Structure formats: C-alpha cells, structure tokens
Amino acid sequence: MAEPKSTEPQPPPPPTAQVHIVYTHQPPQGHEPESHHLRTLTSVLGSEDAAKGALLYTYKHATSGFSAKLTPDQAEQISKQPGVLNVEKSRSAELHSGPAQSHSM
C-alpha cells in the first residue's frame, strides 16, 4: 500500500552555483594573482578547499580577476569584499557574421 503524500510545504531547493566573473584590483605588489583570488574566495566560501573547488580561472594579463562557481548569495557577498570591483554572471553569446566569405590575397 502506498504511503500518503505529505501536505506540508516543502522548502525550496538550494540555489545552484553558476559561473560568475569577479573583477578585482591588481593584487598587492609581490603577491601572486591566484593566491590573492583564492583568499578573496575563501573569505566568502569559508575554506580554502571550497575556494579551490569553486575557482575556475584566474585572469592576470588584460584584467585582474577570476571566474568561479557561486550561488547568488555568494556572488552578492563577494561583491562587497575589499578589492572587488564588479561581479557578473557569466553568459554565452553566439556570434553571427552572415554567410561565409572567402578572401583571396
């Protein structure tokens, strides 16, 4: 015999972590960008292991920052950290340049 379904409201599922781009000031002189970014992530995620698991890429040439998997609450918290300039949810864009063209030289 099947058990009756509960009529109590169920809590919503926890938010899913999505990729965010975190733009930061340049790290202090003599500090490696990745270790600086890990410290910033650790301050929000609570442990270095969690930060290492969330960090996807460190940007250090054209800009300073990193990409990481963050929940909306974590993204909000990290946006308030010292040295963080901006946090954006990553998005994909499909480029379309029209029909393929060939050029001769």
Protein backbone atom coordinates (compact mmCIF):
# COMPACT_ATOMS: atom_id res chain seq x y z
CA MET A 1 0.00 0.00 0.00
CA ALA A 2 1.36 3.45 -0.94
CA GLU A 3 2.03 5.94 1.82
CA PRO A 4 0.02 9.17 1.68
CA LYS A 5 1.83 12.23 0.39
CA SER A 6 2.67 14.92 2.90
CA THR A 7 0.68 18.13 2.57
CA GLU A 8 3.31 20.18 4.41
CA PRO A 9 5.05 22.74 2.21
CA GLN A 10 8.50 21.67 1.11
CA PRO A 11 11.42 24.09 1.35
CA PRO A 12 12.71 25.34 -2.00
CA PRO A 13 15.83 23.63 -3.31
CA PRO A 14 19.10 25.41 -2.53
CA PRO A 15 20.29 27.81 -5.25
CA THR A 16 22.61 26.29 -7.81
CA ALA A 17 26.09 27.72 -8.17
CA GLN A 18 26.68 29.32 -11.57
CA VAL A 19 29.80 30.76 -13.17
CA HIS A 20 30.50 34.39 -12.27
CA ILE A 21 33.33 36.66 -13.38
CA VAL A 22 34.83 38.61 -10.47
CA TYR A 23 36.84 41.71 -11.42
CA THR A 24 39.37 42.81 -8.81
CA HIS A 25 42.02 45.42 -8.23
CA GLN A 26 45.52 44.26 -9.06
CA PRO A 27 46.92 42.16 -6.17
CA PRO A 28 49.41 43.88 -3.88
CA GLN A 29 52.97 44.04 -5.20
CA GLY A 30 54.72 40.70 -4.75
CA HIS A 31 51.51 38.64 -4.39
CA GLU A 32 50.56 36.03 -6.95
CA PRO A 33 47.14 36.72 -8.53
CA GLU A 34 45.83 33.19 -7.96
CA SER A 35 46.65 33.16 -4.25
CA HIS A 36 45.12 36.64 -3.88
CA HIS A 37 41.95 35.45 -5.63
CA LEU A 38 41.80 32.29 -3.50
CA ARG A 39 41.96 34.42 -0.33
CA THR A 40 39.08 36.55 -1.61
CA LEU A 41 37.00 33.44 -2.37
CA THR A 42 37.93 31.80 0.95
CA SER A 43 36.60 34.83 2.84
CA VAL A 44 33.13 34.10 1.42
CA LEU A 45 33.15 30.32 0.99
CA GLY A 46 34.65 29.61 4.41
CA SER A 47 37.53 27.30 3.49
CA GLU A 48 40.45 27.17 1.10
CA ASP A 49 39.28 23.75 -0.14
CA ALA A 50 35.87 25.19 -1.05
CA ALA A 51 37.58 28.14 -2.76
CA LYS A 52 39.85 25.82 -4.77
CA GLY A 53 36.80 23.79 -5.80
CA ALA A 54 34.93 26.89 -6.98
CA LEU A 55 37.79 28.70 -8.74
CA LEU A 56 37.74 28.04 -12.46
CA TYR A 57 40.22 30.51 -13.95
CA THR A 58 42.48 33.36 -12.87
CA TYR A 59 42.75 36.38 -15.17
CA LYS A 60 46.04 38.24 -14.87
CA HIS A 61 47.01 39.79 -18.21
CA ALA A 62 44.32 42.01 -19.75
CA THR A 63 42.44 42.37 -16.47
CA SER A 64 42.67 41.19 -12.90
CA GLY A 65 40.02 38.83 -11.65
CA PHE A 66 38.78 35.27 -11.71
CA SER A 67 35.84 33.09 -12.63
CA ALA A 68 34.24 30.88 -10.03
CA LYS A 69 31.08 28.89 -9.39
CA LEU A 70 29.00 30.93 -6.93
CA THR A 71 25.41 30.93 -5.71
CA PRO A 72 23.53 34.24 -5.94
CA ASP A 73 24.13 34.86 -2.20
CA GLN A 74 27.85 34.14 -2.55
CA ALA A 75 28.08 36.46 -5.57
CA GLU A 76 26.43 39.22 -3.50
CA GLN A 77 28.80 38.62 -0.57
CA ILE A 78 31.93 38.59 -2.71
CA SER A 79 30.89 41.83 -4.42
CA LYS A 80 31.27 43.52 -1.01
CA GLN A 81 34.81 42.25 -0.39
CA PRO A 82 37.69 44.75 -0.38
CA GLY A 83 39.36 44.99 -3.77
CA VAL A 84 36.40 43.56 -5.72
CA LEU A 85 35.32 45.96 -8.45
CA ASN A 86 32.45 44.06 -10.09
CA VAL A 87 30.80 40.63 -10.20
CA GLU A 88 28.93 39.47 -13.29
CA LYS A 89 27.14 36.25 -14.03
CA SER A 90 28.90 34.64 -16.98
CA ARG A 91 26.89 34.35 -20.14
CA SER A 92 27.45 32.89 -23.57
CA ALA A 93 26.94 34.73 -26.80
CA GLU A 94 26.69 33.29 -30.26
CA LEU A 95 28.37 35.38 -32.91
CA HIS A 96 26.83 35.54 -36.33
CA SER A 97 28.67 37.30 -39.12
CA GLY A 98 26.47 36.31 -42.02
CA PRO A 99 27.28 33.89 -44.85
CA ALA A 100 30.79 32.55 -45.00
CA GLN A 101 33.02 34.59 -47.26
CA SER A 102 36.37 33.71 -48.75
CA HIS A 103 39.05 36.23 -49.50
CA SER A 104 42.00 35.85 -51.88
CA MET A 105 45.32 37.51 -51.38
